[in-house]
């Protein structure tokens, strides 16, 4: 039962979000697949930004180690905040991309 708790909670909140969006907010159910596709694009962008940020962080730590006498541990990299900031980067990138401001 423990392994089903989180998926069930997500299922119930997704159903509630669908109900609230389609009934209360007047959103079109036909637009949902396109919204899911855009969300998956944002997740892909977040994975890209997270990988780039993590790789750059490791390179920076290794560079600092080689240049100075100070030891900087890789464990000091706070990956959860890196993940949150990467998600924010991805959301801004997606919004910028969808704004159509490219020449």
N, C-alpha and C. Protein backbone atom coordinates (compact mmCIF):
# COMPACT_ATOMS: atom_id res chain seq x y z
N UNK A 1 0.82 -1.20 0.00
CA UNK A 1 0.00 0.00 0.00
C UNK A 1 0.86 1.26 0.00
N UNK A 2 2.03 1.20 0.62
CA UNK A 2 2.87 2.38 0.70
C UNK A 2 3.31 2.89 -0.66
N UNK A 3 3.59 1.98 -1.60
CA UNK A 3 4.06 2.41 -2.91
C UNK A 3 2.95 3.02 -3.75
N UNK A 4 1.70 2.85 -3.36
CA UNK A 4 0.58 3.40 -4.12
C UNK A 4 0.08 4.73 -3.57
N UNK A 5 0.58 5.14 -2.43
CA UNK A 5 0.06 6.36 -1.80
C UNK A 5 0.33 7.60 -2.65
N UNK A 6 1.56 7.82 -3.06
CA UNK A 6 1.90 9.02 -3.84
C UNK A 6 1.20 9.02 -5.20
N UNK A 7 1.23 7.90 -5.96
CA UNK A 7 0.50 7.93 -7.24
C UNK A 7 -1.00 8.18 -7.06
N UNK A 8 -1.60 7.64 -6.01
CA UNK A 8 -3.02 7.90 -5.78
C UNK A 8 -3.28 9.36 -5.44
N UNK A 9 -2.42 9.95 -4.62
CA UNK A 9 -2.57 11.37 -4.31
C UNK A 9 -2.44 12.22 -5.57
N UNK A 10 -1.48 11.89 -6.41
CA UNK A 10 -1.30 12.64 -7.67
C UNK A 10 -2.51 12.43 -8.58
N UNK A 11 -3.03 11.23 -8.62
CA UNK A 11 -4.21 10.95 -9.44
C UNK A 11 -5.41 11.78 -8.96
N UNK A 12 -5.62 11.82 -7.65
CA UNK A 12 -6.74 12.59 -7.12
C UNK A 12 -6.57 14.09 -7.34
N UNK A 13 -5.37 14.60 -7.14
CA UNK A 13 -5.18 16.04 -7.36
C UNK A 13 -5.25 16.38 -8.85
N UNK A 14 -4.82 15.46 -9.72
CA UNK A 14 -4.94 15.68 -11.16
C UNK A 14 -6.41 15.70 -11.58
N UNK A 15 -7.18 14.77 -11.03
CA UNK A 15 -8.61 14.74 -11.33
C UNK A 15 -9.29 16.01 -10.81
N UNK A 16 -8.90 16.46 -9.63
CA UNK A 16 -9.44 17.70 -9.09
C UNK A 16 -9.04 18.90 -9.93
N UNK A 17 -7.82 18.91 -10.40
CA UNK A 17 -7.37 19.99 -11.28
C UNK A 17 -8.11 19.98 -12.60
N UNK A 18 -8.36 18.79 -13.14
CA UNK A 18 -9.12 18.68 -14.38
C UNK A 18 -10.55 19.18 -14.17
N UNK A 19 -11.14 18.77 -13.08
CA UNK A 19 -12.51 19.21 -12.78
C UNK A 19 -12.57 20.72 -12.61
N UNK A 20 -11.65 21.26 -11.82
CA UNK A 20 -11.65 22.70 -11.57
C UNK A 20 -11.36 23.48 -12.86
N UNK A 21 -10.46 22.96 -13.68
CA UNK A 21 -10.13 23.65 -14.92
C UNK A 21 -11.26 23.61 -15.93
N UNK A 22 -11.89 22.45 -16.08
CA UNK A 22 -12.92 22.32 -17.10
C UNK A 22 -14.27 22.87 -16.65
N UNK A 23 -14.59 22.75 -15.38
CA UNK A 23 -15.90 23.20 -14.90
C UNK A 23 -15.88 24.62 -14.36
N UNK A 24 -14.91 24.91 -13.54
CA UNK A 24 -14.90 26.21 -12.85
C UNK A 24 -14.19 27.30 -13.67
N UNK A 25 -13.05 26.96 -14.26
CA UNK A 25 -12.27 27.98 -14.98
C UNK A 25 -12.64 28.07 -16.45
N UNK A 26 -13.46 27.15 -16.93
CA UNK A 26 -13.91 27.20 -18.32
C UNK A 26 -12.85 26.83 -19.33
N UNK A 27 -11.86 26.03 -18.92
CA UNK A 27 -10.81 25.62 -19.84
C UNK A 27 -11.33 24.49 -20.73
N UNK A 28 -10.83 24.44 -21.96
CA UNK A 28 -11.25 23.42 -22.91
C UNK A 28 -10.53 22.11 -22.64
N UNK A 29 -11.29 21.03 -22.59
CA UNK A 29 -10.68 19.72 -22.41
C UNK A 29 -9.85 19.32 -23.62
N UNK A 30 -10.18 19.85 -24.77
CA UNK A 30 -9.43 19.53 -25.99
C UNK A 30 -8.04 20.15 -25.98
N UNK A 31 -7.83 21.19 -25.18
CA UNK A 31 -6.53 21.85 -25.11
C UNK A 31 -5.58 21.13 -24.14
N UNK A 32 -6.10 20.15 -23.41
CA UNK A 32 -5.28 19.46 -22.41
C UNK A 32 -4.09 18.71 -23.02
N UNK A 33 -4.23 17.95 -24.11
CA UNK A 33 -3.05 17.27 -24.68
C UNK A 33 -1.93 18.24 -25.09
N UNK A 34 -2.28 19.38 -25.63
CA UNK A 34 -1.26 20.37 -25.99
C UNK A 34 -0.59 20.93 -24.74
N UNK A 35 -1.37 21.11 -23.67
CA UNK A 35 -0.80 21.60 -22.42
C UNK A 35 0.14 20.56 -21.82
N UNK A 36 -0.22 19.29 -21.91
CA UNK A 36 0.66 18.22 -21.43
C UNK A 36 1.95 18.20 -22.24
N UNK A 37 1.85 18.37 -23.53
CA UNK A 37 3.04 18.40 -24.39
C UNK A 37 3.95 19.56 -24.01
N UNK A 38 3.37 20.73 -23.76
CA UNK A 38 4.19 21.88 -23.35
C UNK A 38 4.83 21.64 -21.98
N UNK A 39 4.09 20.97 -21.08
CA UNK A 39 4.66 20.66 -19.77
C UNK A 39 5.82 19.69 -19.90
N UNK A 40 5.69 18.70 -20.78
CA UNK A 40 6.79 17.75 -20.99
C UNK A 40 7.99 18.43 -21.63
N UNK A 41 7.75 19.42 -22.49
CA UNK A 41 8.86 20.20 -23.03
C UNK A 41 9.57 20.96 -21.92
N UNK A 42 8.81 21.49 -20.99
CA UNK A 42 9.40 22.22 -19.86
C UNK A 42 10.21 21.27 -18.98
N UNK A 43 9.71 20.05 -18.79
CA UNK A 43 10.46 19.06 -18.00
C UNK A 43 11.77 18.72 -18.72
N UNK A 44 11.70 18.54 -20.03
CA UNK A 44 12.92 18.27 -20.79
C UNK A 44 13.92 19.41 -20.70
N UNK A 45 13.42 20.64 -20.77
CA UNK A 45 14.31 21.79 -20.62
C UNK A 45 14.90 21.84 -19.22
N UNK A 46 14.10 21.48 -18.21
CA UNK A 46 14.61 21.46 -16.83
C UNK A 46 15.70 20.41 -16.67
N UNK A 47 15.54 19.27 -17.29
CA UNK A 47 16.57 18.23 -17.24
C UNK A 47 17.85 18.72 -17.91
N UNK A 48 17.69 19.39 -19.05
CA UNK A 48 18.85 19.95 -19.74
C UNK A 48 19.56 20.98 -18.88
N UNK A 49 18.80 21.92 -18.31
CA UNK A 49 19.41 22.95 -17.48
C UNK A 49 20.04 22.34 -16.23
N UNK A 50 19.39 21.34 -15.63
CA UNK A 50 19.95 20.71 -14.44
C UNK A 50 21.27 20.01 -14.77
N UNK A 51 21.31 19.28 -15.87
CA UNK A 51 22.55 18.62 -16.28
C UNK A 51 23.65 19.62 -16.56
N UNK A 52 23.31 20.69 -17.24
CA UNK A 52 24.30 21.73 -17.54
C UNK A 52 24.80 22.41 -16.27
N UNK A 53 23.88 22.74 -15.38
CA UNK A 53 24.27 23.39 -14.12
C UNK A 53 25.10 22.46 -13.25
N UNK A 54 24.72 21.19 -13.19
CA UNK A 54 25.48 20.23 -12.37
C UNK A 54 26.88 20.03 -12.95
N UNK A 55 26.99 19.89 -14.26
CA UNK A 55 28.30 19.71 -14.88
C UNK A 55 29.18 20.94 -14.68
N UNK A 56 28.59 22.11 -14.84
CA UNK A 56 29.35 23.35 -14.64
C UNK A 56 29.78 23.50 -13.17
N UNK A 57 28.92 23.09 -12.26
CA UNK A 57 29.28 23.14 -10.84
C UNK A 57 30.44 22.22 -10.52
N UNK A 58 30.42 21.01 -11.06
CA UNK A 58 31.51 20.07 -10.82
C UNK A 58 32.81 20.61 -11.42
N UNK A 59 32.73 21.16 -12.63
CA UNK A 59 33.92 21.75 -13.24
C UNK A 59 34.46 22.91 -12.42
N UNK A 60 33.57 23.72 -11.87
CA UNK A 60 34.00 24.86 -11.05
C UNK A 60 34.69 24.37 -9.78
N UNK A 61 34.12 23.35 -9.13
CA UNK A 61 34.73 22.81 -7.91
C UNK A 61 36.10 22.21 -8.23
N UNK A 62 36.18 21.44 -9.30
CA UNK A 62 37.47 20.85 -9.66
C UNK A 62 38.48 21.93 -10.05
N UNK A 63 38.03 22.99 -10.70
CA UNK A 63 38.92 24.10 -11.04
C UNK A 63 39.43 24.82 -9.81
N UNK A 64 38.53 25.04 -8.85
CA UNK A 64 38.95 25.69 -7.60
C UNK A 64 39.95 24.82 -6.85
N UNK A 65 39.70 23.52 -6.85
CA UNK A 65 40.64 22.60 -6.20
C UNK A 65 42.02 22.66 -6.83
N UNK A 66 42.07 22.76 -8.16
CA UNK A 66 43.37 22.73 -8.83
C UNK A 66 44.13 24.05 -8.72
N UNK A 67 43.41 25.15 -8.56
CA UNK A 67 44.06 26.45 -8.52
C UNK A 67 44.46 26.86 -7.10
N UNK A 68 43.66 26.50 -6.11
CA UNK A 68 43.93 26.93 -4.74
C UNK A 68 44.34 25.74 -3.88
N UNK A 69 44.79 26.05 -2.68
CA UNK A 69 45.13 25.00 -1.72
C UNK A 69 43.92 24.57 -0.90
N UNK A 70 42.82 25.27 -1.05
CA UNK A 70 41.61 24.94 -0.30
C UNK A 70 40.93 23.72 -0.92
N UNK A 71 40.39 22.88 -0.04
CA UNK A 71 39.65 21.71 -0.51
C UNK A 71 38.18 22.04 -0.48
N UNK A 72 37.55 21.92 -1.60
CA UNK A 72 36.11 22.15 -1.71
C UNK A 72 35.48 20.83 -2.10
N UNK A 73 34.57 20.35 -1.26
CA UNK A 73 33.96 19.05 -1.48
C UNK A 73 32.81 19.14 -2.47
N UNK A 74 32.65 18.10 -3.27
CA UNK A 74 31.50 18.03 -4.18
C UNK A 74 30.20 17.83 -3.41
N UNK A 75 30.32 17.33 -2.18
CA UNK A 75 29.12 17.13 -1.37
C UNK A 75 28.51 18.44 -0.91
N UNK A 76 29.26 19.51 -1.01
CA UNK A 76 28.73 20.80 -0.60
C UNK A 76 27.82 21.42 -1.66
N UNK A 77 27.80 20.84 -2.83
CA UNK A 77 26.87 21.32 -3.87
C UNK A 77 25.46 20.93 -3.44
N UNK A 78 24.62 21.90 -3.32
CA UNK A 78 23.25 21.65 -2.91
C UNK A 78 22.42 21.32 -4.16
N UNK A 79 22.25 20.04 -4.43
CA UNK A 79 21.60 19.64 -5.67
C UNK A 79 20.10 19.93 -5.68
N UNK A 80 19.46 19.97 -4.52
CA UNK A 80 18.02 20.23 -4.53
C UNK A 80 17.74 21.67 -4.94
N UNK A 81 18.57 22.61 -4.47
CA UNK A 81 18.37 23.99 -4.88
C UNK A 81 18.76 24.16 -6.34
N UNK A 82 19.75 23.39 -6.80
CA UNK A 82 20.12 23.41 -8.21
C UNK A 82 18.96 22.91 -9.07
N UNK A 83 18.26 21.91 -8.58
CA UNK A 83 17.10 21.38 -9.30
C UNK A 83 15.98 22.41 -9.36
N UNK A 84 15.71 23.08 -8.26
CA UNK A 84 14.66 24.10 -8.23
C UNK A 84 15.01 25.26 -9.16
N UNK A 85 16.25 25.72 -9.10
CA UNK A 85 16.65 26.82 -9.97
C UNK A 85 16.67 26.42 -11.44
N UNK A 86 17.02 25.16 -11.72
CA UNK A 86 16.98 24.67 -13.10
C UNK A 86 15.55 24.62 -13.61
N UNK A 87 14.62 24.23 -12.76
CA UNK A 87 13.21 24.24 -13.15
C UNK A 87 12.75 25.66 -13.43
N UNK A 88 13.17 26.61 -12.61
CA UNK A 88 12.83 28.00 -12.85
C UNK A 88 13.42 28.49 -14.17
N UNK A 89 14.67 28.12 -14.43
CA UNK A 89 15.29 28.48 -15.72
C UNK A 89 14.47 27.92 -16.88
N UNK A 90 14.05 26.67 -16.76
CA UNK A 90 13.29 26.03 -17.83
C UNK A 90 11.95 26.71 -18.04
N UNK A 91 11.28 27.07 -16.96
CA UNK A 91 9.98 27.73 -17.09
C UNK A 91 10.11 29.09 -17.74
N UNK A 92 11.14 29.84 -17.38
CA UNK A 92 11.38 31.14 -18.01
C UNK A 92 11.72 30.95 -19.48
N UNK A 93 12.56 29.95 -19.78
CA UNK A 93 12.93 29.68 -21.17
C UNK A 93 11.69 29.31 -22.00
N UNK A 94 10.83 28.46 -21.44
CA UNK A 94 9.61 28.06 -22.16
C UNK A 94 8.68 29.25 -22.38
N UNK A 95 8.53 30.09 -21.37
CA UNK A 95 7.67 31.26 -21.52
C UNK A 95 8.24 32.22 -22.56
N UNK A 96 9.55 32.37 -22.56
CA UNK A 96 10.22 33.23 -23.53
C UNK A 96 10.02 32.67 -24.94
N UNK A 97 10.18 31.36 -25.06
CA UNK A 97 10.02 30.70 -26.35
C UNK A 97 8.60 30.84 -26.89
N UNK A 98 7.63 30.74 -25.99
CA UNK A 98 6.23 30.83 -26.40
C UNK A 98 5.77 32.25 -26.65
N UNK A 99 6.55 33.23 -26.16
CA UNK A 99 6.16 34.62 -26.37
C UNK A 99 6.35 35.05 -27.82
N UNK A 100 7.16 34.28 -28.54
CA UNK A 100 7.36 34.60 -29.96
C UNK A 100 8.18 35.84 -30.19
N UNK A 101 9.06 36.17 -29.26
CA UNK A 101 9.85 37.38 -29.41
C UNK A 101 11.12 37.18 -30.22
N UNK A 102 11.29 35.99 -30.78
CA UNK A 102 12.47 35.74 -31.61
C UNK A 102 12.30 36.46 -32.95
N UNK A 103 13.39 37.00 -33.51
CA UNK A 103 13.28 37.72 -34.78
C UNK A 103 12.99 36.79 -35.94
